[in-house]
C-alpha atoms as a PDB file:
ATOM      1  CA  UNK A   1      -1.373  27.125 -23.430  1.00  0.00           C
ATOM      2  CA  UNK A   2      -3.551  28.095 -20.443  1.00  0.00           C
ATOM      3  CA  UNK A   3      -3.343  27.725 -17.042  1.00  0.00           C
ATOM      4  CA  UNK A   4      -5.517  24.924 -16.774  1.00  0.00           C
ATOM      5  CA  UNK A   5      -3.821  22.948 -19.331  1.00  0.00           C
ATOM      6  CA  UNK A   6      -0.336  23.612 -17.532  1.00  0.00           C
ATOM      7  CA  UNK A   7      -1.871  22.195 -14.568  1.00  0.00           C
ATOM      8  CA  UNK A   8      -3.724  19.517 -15.892  1.00  0.00           C
ATOM      9  CA  UNK A   9      -0.351  18.532 -17.716  1.00  0.00           C
ATOM     10  CA  UNK A  10       2.116  18.846 -14.460  1.00  0.00           C
ATOM     11  CA  UNK A  11      -0.398  16.600 -12.474  1.00  0.00           C
ATOM     12  CA  UNK A  12      -0.831  13.478 -14.949  1.00  0.00           C
ATOM     13  CA  UNK A  13       2.331  14.198 -16.948  1.00  0.00           C
ATOM     14  CA  UNK A  14       5.428  15.469 -14.585  1.00  0.00           C
ATOM     15  CA  UNK A  15       7.963  12.680 -15.718  1.00  0.00           C
ATOM     16  CA  UNK A  16       8.373  10.402 -12.364  1.00  0.00           C
ATOM     17  CA  UNK A  17      10.213   7.245 -10.831  1.00  0.00           C
ATOM     18  CA  UNK A  18       8.767   3.772 -11.509  1.00  0.00           C
ATOM     19  CA  UNK A  19       9.888   2.433  -8.322  1.00  0.00           C
ATOM     20  CA  UNK A  20       6.344   2.400  -6.724  1.00  0.00           C
ATOM     21  CA  UNK A  21       4.907   0.804  -9.960  1.00  0.00           C
ATOM     22  CA  UNK A  22       7.800  -1.772  -9.599  1.00  0.00           C
ATOM     23  CA  UNK A  23       7.036  -2.588  -5.956  1.00  0.00           C
ATOM     24  CA  UNK A  24       3.633  -3.071  -7.220  1.00  0.00           C
ATOM     25  CA  UNK A  25       4.391  -5.848  -9.569  1.00  0.00           C
ATOM     26  CA  UNK A  26       6.371  -7.800  -7.259  1.00  0.00           C
ATOM     27  CA  UNK A  27       3.968  -7.617  -3.995  1.00  0.00           C
ATOM     28  CA  UNK A  28       1.005  -8.424  -6.723  1.00  0.00           C
ATOM     29  CA  UNK A  29       3.250 -11.561  -7.842  1.00  0.00           C
ATOM     30  CA  UNK A  30       4.002 -12.573  -4.171  1.00  0.00           C
ATOM     31  CA  UNK A  31       0.562 -11.881  -3.267  1.00  0.00           C
ATOM     32  CA  UNK A  32      -0.656 -14.359  -6.228  1.00  0.00           C
ATOM     33  CA  UNK A  33       1.648 -17.319  -5.528  1.00  0.00           C
ATOM     34  CA  UNK A  34       0.909 -16.368  -1.546  1.00  0.00           C
ATOM     35  CA  UNK A  35      -2.895 -17.266  -2.185  1.00  0.00           C
ATOM     36  CA  UNK A  36      -2.210 -19.972  -4.953  1.00  0.00           C
ATOM     37  CA  UNK A  37      -0.004 -22.058  -2.589  1.00  0.00           C
ATOM     38  CA  UNK A  38      -2.100 -21.602  -0.060  1.00  0.00           C
ATOM     39  CA  UNK A  39      -5.611 -22.795  -1.801  1.00  0.00           C
ATOM     40  CA  UNK A  40      -3.269 -25.493  -3.647  1.00  0.00           C
ATOM     41  CA  UNK A  41      -4.272 -28.493  -1.332  1.00  0.00           C
ATOM     42  CA  UNK A  42      -7.823 -27.792  -1.723  1.00  0.00           C
ATOM     43  CA  UNK A  43      -7.575 -27.138  -5.587  1.00  0.00           C
ATOM     44  CA  UNK A  44      -9.870 -30.038  -6.449  1.00  0.00           C
ATOM     45  CA  UNK A  45     -12.773 -28.859  -3.913  1.00  0.00           C
ATOM     46  CA  UNK A  46     -12.595 -25.308  -5.078  1.00  0.00           C
ATOM     47  CA  UNK A  47     -11.894 -25.432  -8.641  1.00  0.00           C
ATOM     48  CA  UNK A  48     -12.398 -29.389 -10.102  1.00  0.00           C
ATOM     49  CA  UNK A  49     -15.398 -30.551 -11.896  1.00  0.00           C
ATOM     50  CA  UNK A  50     -17.245 -32.161  -8.842  1.00  0.00           C
ATOM     51  CA  UNK A  51     -15.938 -29.577  -6.857  1.00  0.00           C
ATOM     52  CA  UNK A  52     -17.917 -27.374  -4.450  1.00  0.00           C
ATOM     53  CA  UNK A  53     -19.335 -25.931  -7.447  1.00  0.00           C
ATOM     54  CA  UNK A  54     -20.268 -28.453 -10.023  1.00  0.00           C
ATOM     55  CA  UNK A  55     -19.139 -27.056 -13.764  1.00  0.00           C
ATOM     56  CA  UNK A  56     -22.348 -27.622 -14.869  1.00  0.00           C
ATOM     57  CA  UNK A  57     -23.806 -25.032 -12.056  1.00  0.00           C
ATOM     58  CA  UNK A  58     -20.778 -22.538 -12.722  1.00  0.00           C
ATOM     59  CA  UNK A  59     -21.666 -22.510 -16.207  1.00  0.00           C
ATOM     60  CA  UNK A  60     -24.976 -21.557 -15.819  1.00  0.00           C
ATOM     61  CA  UNK A  61     -24.421 -18.704 -13.460  1.00  0.00           C
ATOM     62  CA  UNK A  62     -21.526 -17.033 -15.211  1.00  0.00           C
ATOM     63  CA  UNK A  63     -22.427 -17.867 -18.830  1.00  0.00           C
ATOM     64  CA  UNK A  64     -21.021 -20.231 -20.971  1.00  0.00           C
ATOM     65  CA  UNK A  65     -19.060 -17.542 -23.187  1.00  0.00           C
ATOM     66  CA  UNK A  66     -16.939 -16.545 -19.841  1.00  0.00           C
ATOM     67  CA  UNK A  67     -13.379 -17.741 -19.600  1.00  0.00           C
ATOM     68  CA  UNK A  68     -14.140 -20.785 -17.292  1.00  0.00           C
ATOM     69  CA  UNK A  69     -12.175 -24.506 -16.323  1.00  0.00           C
ATOM     70  CA  UNK A  70     -14.961 -26.394 -18.162  1.00  0.00           C
ATOM     71  CA  UNK A  71     -13.626 -25.106 -21.258  1.00  0.00           C
ATOM     72  CA  UNK A  72     -10.799 -27.969 -20.332  1.00  0.00           C
ATOM     73  CA  UNK A  73     -13.152 -30.854 -20.937  1.00  0.00           C
ATOM     74  CA  UNK A  74     -12.806 -31.040 -24.447  1.00  0.00           C
ATOM     75  CA  UNK A  75      -9.057 -31.007 -23.910  1.00  0.00           C
ATOM     76  CA  UNK A  76      -9.242 -33.946 -21.222  1.00  0.00           C
ATOM     77  CA  UNK A  77     -11.314 -35.604 -23.932  1.00  0.00           C
ATOM     78  CA  UNK A  78      -8.641 -35.575 -26.612  1.00  0.00           C
ATOM     79  CA  UNK A  79      -5.595 -36.354 -24.069  1.00  0.00           C
ATOM     80  CA  UNK A  80      -7.626 -39.144 -21.945  1.00  0.00           C
ATOM     81  CA  UNK A  81      -6.262 -36.901 -19.177  1.00  0.00           C
ATOM     82  CA  UNK A  82      -8.418 -35.972 -16.135  1.00  0.00           C
ATOM     83  CA  UNK A  83     -10.192 -32.716 -15.778  1.00  0.00           C
ATOM     84  CA  UNK A  84      -8.551 -32.815 -12.425  1.00  0.00           C
ATOM     85  CA  UNK A  85      -5.147 -33.435 -13.757  1.00  0.00           C
ATOM     86  CA  UNK A  86      -5.635 -30.195 -16.263  1.00  0.00           C
ATOM     87  CA  UNK A  87      -6.753 -27.998 -13.505  1.00  0.00           C
ATOM     88  CA  UNK A  88      -3.667 -28.637 -11.502  1.00  0.00           C
ATOM     89  CA  UNK A  89      -1.837 -28.046 -14.812  1.00  0.00           C
ATOM     90  CA  UNK A  90      -3.313 -24.536 -15.014  1.00  0.00           C
ATOM     91  CA  UNK A  91      -2.861 -23.812 -11.860  1.00  0.00           C
ATOM     92  CA  UNK A  92       0.567 -24.938 -12.366  1.00  0.00           C
ATOM     93  CA  UNK A  93       1.250 -22.808 -15.317  1.00  0.00           C
ATOM     94  CA  UNK A  94      -0.688 -19.583 -13.380  1.00  0.00           C
ATOM     95  CA  UNK A  95       1.714 -19.775 -10.850  1.00  0.00           C
ATOM     96  CA  UNK A  96       4.653 -20.188 -13.353  1.00  0.00           C
ATOM     97  CA  UNK A  97       3.426 -16.599 -14.804  1.00  0.00           C
ATOM     98  CA  UNK A  98       3.325 -15.412 -11.444  1.00  0.00           C
ATOM     99  CA  UNK A  99       6.726 -16.029 -10.693  1.00  0.00           C
ATOM    100  CA  UNK A 100       8.153 -14.458 -13.792  1.00  0.00           C
ATOM    101  CA  UNK A 101       6.204 -11.582 -13.202  1.00  0.00           C
ATOM    102  CA  UNK A 102       7.779 -11.221  -9.689  1.00  0.00           C
ATOM    103  CA  UNK A 103      11.593 -11.557 -11.150  1.00  0.00           C
ATOM    104  CA  UNK A 104      10.352  -9.082 -13.937  1.00  0.00           C
ATOM    105  CA  UNK A 105      10.976 -11.272 -17.307  1.00  0.00           C
ATOM    106  CA  UNK A 106       8.496 -10.428 -20.019  1.00  0.00           C
ATOM    107  CA  UNK A 107       6.148  -8.347 -17.430  1.00  0.00           C
ATOM    108  CA  UNK A 108       3.482  -7.601 -19.856  1.00  0.00           C
ATOM    109  CA  UNK A 109       3.087 -10.999 -21.535  1.00  0.00           C
ATOM    110  CA  UNK A 110       3.334 -13.189 -18.206  1.00  0.00           C
ATOM    111  CA  UNK A 111       0.908 -10.392 -16.443  1.00  0.00           C
ATOM    112  CA  UNK A 112      -1.616 -10.737 -19.304  1.00  0.00           C
ATOM    113  CA  UNK A 113      -1.403 -14.600 -18.875  1.00  0.00           C
ATOM    114  CA  UNK A 114      -1.362 -14.709 -15.696  1.00  0.00           C
ATOM    115  CA  UNK A 115      -4.634 -12.559 -15.727  1.00  0.00           C
ATOM    116  CA  UNK A 116      -6.504 -14.602 -18.117  1.00  0.00           C
ATOM    117  CA  UNK A 117      -5.657 -18.055 -15.736  1.00  0.00           C
ATOM    118  CA  UNK A 118      -6.640 -15.898 -13.021  1.00  0.00           C
ATOM    119  CA  UNK A 119     -10.158 -15.072 -14.875  1.00  0.00           C
ATOM    120  CA  UNK A 120     -10.973 -18.672 -15.354  1.00  0.00           C
ATOM    121  CA  UNK A 121     -10.001 -20.092 -12.198  1.00  0.00           C
ATOM    122  CA  UNK A 122     -12.125 -16.969 -10.632  1.00  0.00           C
ATOM    123  CA  UNK A 123     -15.016 -17.411 -12.910  1.00  0.00           C
ATOM    124  CA  UNK A 124     -15.215 -21.438 -11.742  1.00  0.00           C
ATOM    125  CA  UNK A 125     -14.446 -20.650  -7.935  1.00  0.00           C
ATOM    126  CA  UNK A 126     -16.646 -17.699  -7.438  1.00  0.00           C
ATOM    127  CA  UNK A 127     -18.314 -19.295  -4.579  1.00  0.00           C
ATOM    128  CA  UNK A 128     -14.778 -18.932  -2.761  1.00  0.00           C
ATOM    129  CA  UNK A 129     -13.962 -15.814  -3.868  1.00  0.00           C
ATOM    130  CA  UNK A 130     -14.278 -12.321  -2.146  1.00  0.00           C
ATOM    131  CA  UNK A 131     -12.855  -9.236  -2.290  1.00  0.00           C
ATOM    132  CA  UNK A 132      -9.051 -10.276  -3.033  1.00  0.00           C
ATOM    133  CA  UNK A 133      -9.778 -11.822  -5.827  1.00  0.00           C
ATOM    134  CA  UNK A 134     -10.846  -8.981  -7.711  1.00  0.00           C
ATOM    135  CA  UNK A 135      -8.332  -6.894  -6.183  1.00  0.00           C
ATOM    136  CA  UNK A 136      -5.467  -9.368  -7.184  1.00  0.00           C
ATOM    137  CA  UNK A 137      -7.607  -9.669 -10.817  1.00  0.00           C
ATOM    138  CA  UNK A 138      -7.275  -5.767 -11.216  1.00  0.00           C
ATOM    139  CA  UNK A 139      -3.738  -5.595  -9.885  1.00  0.00           C
ATOM    140  CA  UNK A 140      -2.634  -8.180 -12.664  1.00  0.00           C
ATOM    141  CA  UNK A 141      -4.817  -5.903 -15.463  1.00  0.00           C
ATOM    142  CA  UNK A 142      -2.908  -2.820 -14.286  1.00  0.00           C
ATOM    143  CA  UNK A 143       0.565  -4.842 -14.387  1.00  0.00           C
ATOM    144  CA  UNK A 144      -0.977  -5.372 -18.270  1.00  0.00           C
ATOM    145  CA  UNK A 145      -0.704  -1.676 -18.784  1.00  0.00           C
ATOM    146  CA  UNK A 146       1.377   0.220 -16.703  1.00  0.00           C
ATOM    147  CA  UNK A 147       5.269   0.087 -16.771  1.00  0.00           C
ATOM    148  CA  UNK A 148       6.058  -2.445 -14.401  1.00  0.00           C
ATOM    149  CA  UNK A 149       9.076  -3.654 -15.651  1.00  0.00           C
ATOM    150  CA  UNK A 150      12.800  -3.214 -13.363  1.00  0.00           C
ATOM    151  CA  UNK A 151      14.552  -0.791 -14.356  1.00  0.00           C
ATOM    152  CA  UNK A 152      12.423   1.956 -16.498  1.00  0.00           C
ATOM    153  CA  UNK A 153      13.198   5.293 -16.926  1.00  0.00           C
ATOM    154  CA  UNK A 154      11.271   8.668 -14.971  1.00  0.00           C
ATOM    155  CA  UNK A 155       8.662   9.044 -17.166  1.00  0.00           C
ATOM    156  CA  UNK A 156       5.129  11.168 -17.599  1.00  0.00           C
ATOM    157  CA  UNK A 157       4.009   7.355 -18.282  1.00  0.00           C
ATOM    158  CA  UNK A 158       5.091   6.327 -14.698  1.00  0.00           C
ATOM    159  CA  UNK A 159       2.948   9.664 -13.125  1.00  0.00           C
ATOM    160  CA  UNK A 160      -0.470   8.659 -15.449  1.00  0.00           C
ATOM    161  CA  UNK A 161      -0.089   5.085 -13.992  1.00  0.00           C
ATOM    162  CA  UNK A 162       0.207   6.279 -10.522  1.00  0.00           C
ATOM    163  CA  UNK A 163      -2.732   8.938 -11.201  1.00  0.00           C
ATOM    164  CA  UNK A 164      -5.220   6.412 -12.256  1.00  0.00           C
ATOM    165  CA  UNK A 165      -4.455   4.008  -9.377  1.00  0.00           C
ATOM    166  CA  UNK A 166      -4.799   6.721  -6.878  1.00  0.00           C
ATOM    167  CA  UNK A 167      -7.949   7.723  -8.465  1.00  0.00           C
ATOM    168  CA  UNK A 168      -9.386   4.288  -8.902  1.00  0.00           C
ATOM    169  CA  UNK A 169      -8.640   4.308  -4.782  1.00  0.00           C
ATOM    170  CA  UNK A 170     -10.529   7.219  -3.955  1.00  0.00           C
ATOM    171  CA  UNK A 171     -13.656   6.008  -5.920  1.00  0.00           C
ATOM    172  CA  UNK A 172     -13.637   2.577  -4.192  1.00  0.00           C
ATOM    173  CA  UNK A 173     -13.175   4.262  -0.622  1.00  0.00           C
ATOM    174  CA  UNK A 174     -15.714   6.574  -1.101  1.00  0.00           C
ATOM    175  CA  UNK A 175     -18.380   4.235  -2.884  1.00  0.00           C
ATOM    176  CA  UNK A 176     -17.652   1.734   0.195  1.00  0.00           C
ATOM    177  CA  UNK A 177     -18.039   4.348   3.136  1.00  0.00           C
ATOM    178  CA  UNK A 178     -21.121   5.760   1.336  1.00  0.00           C
ATOM    179  CA  UNK A 179     -22.742   2.335   0.924  1.00  0.00           C
ATOM    180  CA  UNK A 180     -21.988   1.527   4.786  1.00  0.00           C
ATOM    181  CA  UNK A 181     -23.091   5.178   5.875  1.00  0.00           C
ATOM    182  CA  UNK A 182     -26.461   4.259   4.240  1.00  0.00           C
ATOM    183  CA  UNK A 183     -27.422   1.407   6.390  1.00  0.00           C
ATOM    184  CA  UNK A 184     -28.171   2.396  10.638  1.00  0.00           C
ATOM    185  CA  UNK A 185     -26.192  -0.592  11.752  1.00  0.00           C
ATOM    186  CA  UNK A 186     -22.527   1.762  10.717  1.00  0.00           C
ATOM    187  CA  UNK A 187     -24.342   4.405  12.619  1.00  0.00           C
ATOM    188  CA  UNK A 188     -25.195   2.609  15.930  1.00  0.00           C
ATOM    189  CA  UNK A 189     -22.321  -0.116  16.540  1.00  0.00           C
ATOM    190  CA  UNK A 190     -24.181  -2.956  14.741  1.00  0.00           C
ATOM    191  CA  UNK A 191     -22.511  -3.859  11.902  1.00  0.00           C
ATOM    192  CA  UNK A 192     -18.973  -4.335  14.028  1.00  0.00           C
ATOM    193  CA  UNK A 193     -20.835  -6.085  16.322  1.00  0.00           C
ATOM    194  CA  UNK A 194     -22.437  -8.314  13.892  1.00  0.00           C
ATOM    195  CA  UNK A 195     -18.877  -9.158  12.214  1.00  0.00           C
ATOM    196  CA  UNK A 196     -16.681 -10.049  15.291  1.00  0.00           C
ATOM    197  CA  UNK A 197     -19.557 -12.398  16.279  1.00  0.00           C
ATOM    198  CA  UNK A 198     -19.767 -14.114  13.214  1.00  0.00           C
ATOM    199  CA  UNK A 199     -18.364 -17.209  13.261  1.00  0.00           C
ATOM    200  CA  UNK A 200     -16.859 -17.341   9.886  1.00  0.00           C
ATOM    201  CA  UNK A 201     -14.807 -14.016  10.673  1.00  0.00           C
ATOM    202  CA  UNK A 202     -14.420 -13.888  14.461  1.00  0.00           C
ATOM    203  CA  UNK A 203     -10.838 -15.018  15.648  1.00  0.00           C
ATOM    204  CA  UNK A 204     -11.191 -14.111  19.419  1.00  0.00           C
ATOM    205  CA  UNK A 205     -14.216 -13.740  22.141  1.00  0.00           C
ATOM    206  CA  UNK A 206     -15.096 -10.260  21.447  1.00  0.00           C
ATOM    207  CA  UNK A 207     -18.159 -10.402  23.376  1.00  0.00           C
ATOM    208  CA  UNK A 208     -16.935  -8.289  26.063  1.00  0.00           C
ATOM    209  CA  UNK A 209     -17.766  -5.228  23.729  1.00  0.00           C
ATOM    210  CA  UNK A 210     -21.629  -5.800  24.443  1.00  0.00           C
ATOM    211  CA  UNK A 211     -20.420  -3.994  27.690  1.00  0.00           C
ATOM    212  CA  UNK A 212     -19.249  -1.121  25.404  1.00  0.00           C
ATOM    213  CA  UNK A 213     -21.638  -0.267  22.862  1.00  0.00           C
ATOM    214  CA  UNK A 214     -19.745   3.517  22.443  1.00  0.00           C
ATOM    215  CA  UNK A 215     -16.473   1.720  21.346  1.00  0.00           C
ATOM    216  CA  UNK A 216     -18.826  -0.334  18.638  1.00  0.00           C
ATOM    217  CA  UNK A 217     -20.045   3.113  17.587  1.00  0.00           C
ATOM    218  CA  UNK A 218     -16.500   4.642  17.637  1.00  0.00           C
ATOM    219  CA  UNK A 219     -15.226   1.773  15.365  1.00  0.00           C
ATOM    220  CA  UNK A 220     -18.193   2.145  12.961  1.00  0.00           C
ATOM    221  CA  UNK A 221     -17.824   5.872  12.723  1.00  0.00           C
ATOM    222  CA  UNK A 222     -13.966   5.470  12.227  1.00  0.00           C
ATOM    223  CA  UNK A 223     -14.051   3.186   9.761  1.00  0.00           C
ATOM    224  CA  UNK A 224     -16.829   5.478   7.973  1.00  0.00           C
ATOM    225  CA  UNK A 225     -14.039   8.632   8.451  1.00  0.00           C
ATOM    226  CA  UNK A 226     -11.560   6.289   6.752  1.00  0.00           C
ATOM    227  CA  UNK A 227     -13.477   5.590   3.700  1.00  0.00           C
ATOM    228  CA  UNK A 228     -15.661   8.607   3.003  1.00  0.00           C
ATOM    229  CA  UNK A 229     -12.792  11.062   3.967  1.00  0.00           C
ATOM    230  CA  UNK A 230     -10.175   8.938   1.699  1.00  0.00           C
ATOM    231  CA  UNK A 231      -9.184  11.512  -0.890  1.00  0.00           C
ATOM    232  CA  UNK A 232      -9.579  14.792   1.457  1.00  0.00           C
ATOM    233  CA  UNK A 233      -6.357  13.550   3.471  1.00  0.00           C
ATOM    234  CA  UNK A 234      -5.093  11.721   0.671  1.00  0.00           C
ATOM    235  CA  UNK A 235      -4.605  14.917  -1.932  1.00  0.00           C
ATOM    236  CA  UNK A 236      -3.390  17.117   1.031  1.00  0.00           C
ATOM    237  CA  UNK A 237       0.395  16.095   1.542  1.00  0.00           C
ATOM    238  CA  UNK A 238       0.201  17.226   4.991  1.00  0.00           C
ATOM    239  CA  UNK A 239      -2.443  14.693   5.909  1.00  0.00           C
ATOM    240  CA  UNK A 240      -1.229  12.017   3.580  1.00  0.00           C
ATOM    241  CA  UNK A 241       0.996  10.057   5.728  1.00  0.00           C
ATOM    242  CA  UNK A 242      -1.600  10.128   8.724  1.00  0.00           C
ATOM    243  CA  UNK A 243      -4.330   8.895   6.335  1.00  0.00           C
ATOM    244  CA  UNK A 244      -1.954   6.604   5.011  1.00  0.00           C
ATOM    245  CA  UNK A 245      -1.274   5.133   8.686  1.00  0.00           C
ATOM    246  CA  UNK A 246      -4.979   5.201   9.160  1.00  0.00           C
ATOM    247  CA  UNK A 247      -5.832   2.782   6.389  1.00  0.00           C
ATOM    248  CA  UNK A 248      -3.239   0.556   7.122  1.00  0.00           C
ATOM    249  CA  UNK A 249      -4.176   0.198  10.053  1.00  0.00           C
ATOM    250  CA  UNK A 250      -7.891  -0.342   9.005  1.00  0.00           C
ATOM    251  CA  UNK A 251      -6.451  -3.580   7.031  1.00  0.00           C
ATOM    252  CA  UNK A 252      -4.115  -4.431   9.803  1.00  0.00           C
ATOM    253  CA  UNK A 253      -6.944  -4.419  11.970  1.00  0.00           C
ATOM    254  CA  UNK A 254      -9.489  -6.269   9.219  1.00  0.00           C
ATOM    255  CA  UNK A 255      -6.397  -8.873   8.931  1.00  0.00           C
ATOM    256  CA  UNK A 256      -6.146  -9.584  12.969  1.00  0.00           C
ATOM    257  CA  UNK A 257      -9.833  -9.654  14.266  1.00  0.00           C
ATOM    258  CA  UNK A 258     -11.569 -11.272  10.617  1.00  0.00           C
ATOM    259  CA  UNK A 259      -8.765 -13.191   9.372  1.00  0.00           C
ATOM    260  CA  UNK A 260      -9.038 -11.437   5.982  1.00  0.00           C
ATOM    261  CA  UNK A 261      -4.958 -11.279   5.582  1.00  0.00           C
ATOM    262  CA  UNK A 262      -4.888 -11.698   1.773  1.00  0.00           C
ATOM    263  CA  UNK A 263      -7.592  -9.200   1.201  1.00  0.00           C
ATOM    264  CA  UNK A 264      -5.635  -6.762   3.548  1.00  0.00           C
ATOM    265  CA  UNK A 265      -2.583  -7.503   2.084  1.00  0.00           C
ATOM    266  CA  UNK A 266      -3.823  -6.288  -1.105  1.00  0.00           C
ATOM    267  CA  UNK A 267      -5.175  -3.156   0.241  1.00  0.00           C
ATOM    268  CA  UNK A 268      -1.908  -2.268   1.753  1.00  0.00           C
ATOM    269  CA  UNK A 269      -0.382  -3.045  -1.491  1.00  0.00           C
ATOM    270  CA  UNK A 270      -2.660  -0.843  -3.719  1.00  0.00           C
ATOM    271  CA  UNK A 271      -2.504   1.991  -0.954  1.00  0.00           C
ATOM    272  CA  UNK A 272       1.360   1.810  -0.563  1.00  0.00           C
ATOM    273  CA  UNK A 273       1.898   1.733  -4.407  1.00  0.00           C
ATOM    274  CA  UNK A 274      -0.733   5.074  -4.806  1.00  0.00           C
ATOM    275  CA  UNK A 275       0.369   7.072  -2.072  1.00  0.00           C
ATOM    276  CA  UNK A 276       2.465   5.228   0.884  1.00  0.00           C
ATOM    277  CA  UNK A 277       5.841   4.518  -1.266  1.00  0.00           C
ATOM    278  CA  UNK A 278       7.534   8.106  -0.634  1.00  0.00           C
ATOM    279  CA  UNK A 279       6.837   7.195   3.251  1.00  0.00           C
ATOM    280  CA  UNK A 280       7.754   3.142   3.222  1.00  0.00           C
ATOM    281  CA  UNK A 281      11.142   4.227   1.471  1.00  0.00           C
ATOM    282  CA  UNK A 282      11.623   7.108   3.761  1.00  0.00           C
ATOM    283  CA  UNK A 283      11.489   4.259   6.564  1.00  0.00           C
ATOM    284  CA  UNK A 284      13.500   1.730   4.476  1.00  0.00           C
ATOM    285  CA  UNK A 285      16.152   3.901   4.335  1.00  0.00           C
ATOM    286  CA  UNK A 286      15.926   5.319   7.966  1.00  0.00           C
ATOM    287  CA  UNK A 287      15.906   1.228   9.165  1.00  0.00           C
ATOM    288  CA  UNK A 288      19.424   0.520   6.769  1.00  0.00           C
ATOM    289  CA  UNK A 289      21.310   3.507   7.589  1.00  0.00           C
ATOM    290  CA  UNK A 290      20.137   2.376  11.351  1.00  0.00           C
ATOM    291  CA  UNK A 291      22.100  -0.914  10.493  1.00  0.00           C
ATOM    292  CA  UNK A 292      24.824   0.310   9.293  1.00  0.00           C
ATOM    293  CA  UNK A 293      25.426   2.251  12.408  1.00  0.00           C
ATOM    294  CA  UNK A 294      24.867  -0.633  14.583  1.00  0.00           C
ATOM    295  CA  UNK A 295      27.356  -2.968  12.314  1.00  0.00           C
ATOM    296  CA  UNK A 296      29.748   0.185  12.199  1.00  0.00           C
ATOM    297  CA  UNK A 297      29.539   0.196  15.802  1.00  0.00           C
ATOM    298  CA  UNK A 298      30.217  -3.326  16.975  1.00  0.00           C
ATOM    299  CA  UNK A 299      32.988  -3.609  14.350  1.00  0.00           C
ATOM    300  CA  UNK A 300      34.392  -0.852  16.269  1.00  0.00           C
ATOM    301  CA  UNK A 301      34.101  -2.630  19.621  1.00  0.00           C
ATOM    302  CA  UNK A 302      35.668  -5.558  18.105  1.00  0.00           C
ATOM    303  CA  UNK A 303      38.556  -3.905  16.772  1.00  0.00           C
ATOM    304  CA  UNK A 304      39.346  -1.921  20.433  1.00  0.00           C
ATOM    305  CA  UNK A 305      38.930  -5.343  22.227  1.00  0.00           C
ATOM    306  CA  UNK A 306      41.210  -7.095  19.673  1.00  0.00           C
ATOM    307  CA  UNK A 307      43.882  -4.302  20.164  1.00  0.00           C
END
């Protein structure tokens, strides 16, 4: 076995823990449940036959061969139930599959069911879909093929799965950064200004930013640096914790200032499972030790007062 083959096997096939993947499953299921419950009140408006995008229109755009809610029409005719009732039934089945995935029962089968139902919902309500829909769909697909069930032993399959996540994120961020860098708006600060002034995204009065154009440019340049530099600082262990923190802060900023909480959560979940799990686990362990120390001190104080 030559040096290259050994390095390749060490990188992709060295046995490792499944805990990052278990976290990924739980977090993706929770994200899907949160999104489903969030949208439940607007189910008919978003996905109904006569909603914002009527089924004949969605059929013409995505194609009749693609999975979509319009396939429920024959079932509604046979059962004499309205299509809206079947949409609610399908949404309930989707949320039920996510609940089963969350608790870790029949993970591969339930992930497949959730993925298929999510595909139908996404193809029908595509006018209201954005980045979170795409990454939710990808996350469910990963839950089908990756060892995400609880209690899985250390294995090479765990390592290979995490490497796939890591390489996928590197491609996503570099491609996004390069695409942004091709436009002048991300160099002169106009991109962040237009975003924060857009009525769809603006949550705060950021008009004061016009007085500090250098700050708008700095925010844009920082975004380009984080995205294009993603593979460089994430693959160097000494830089990784700072890179992970930068990515998390970037998406927290998107959540706070643009109102894209679910998208930000999806990206933080992917980054944590791929690169940030050791730091999150270490922080959680430190928090638990701190809490045990506080409880111990409180117990000791109570005992002394009793005596």
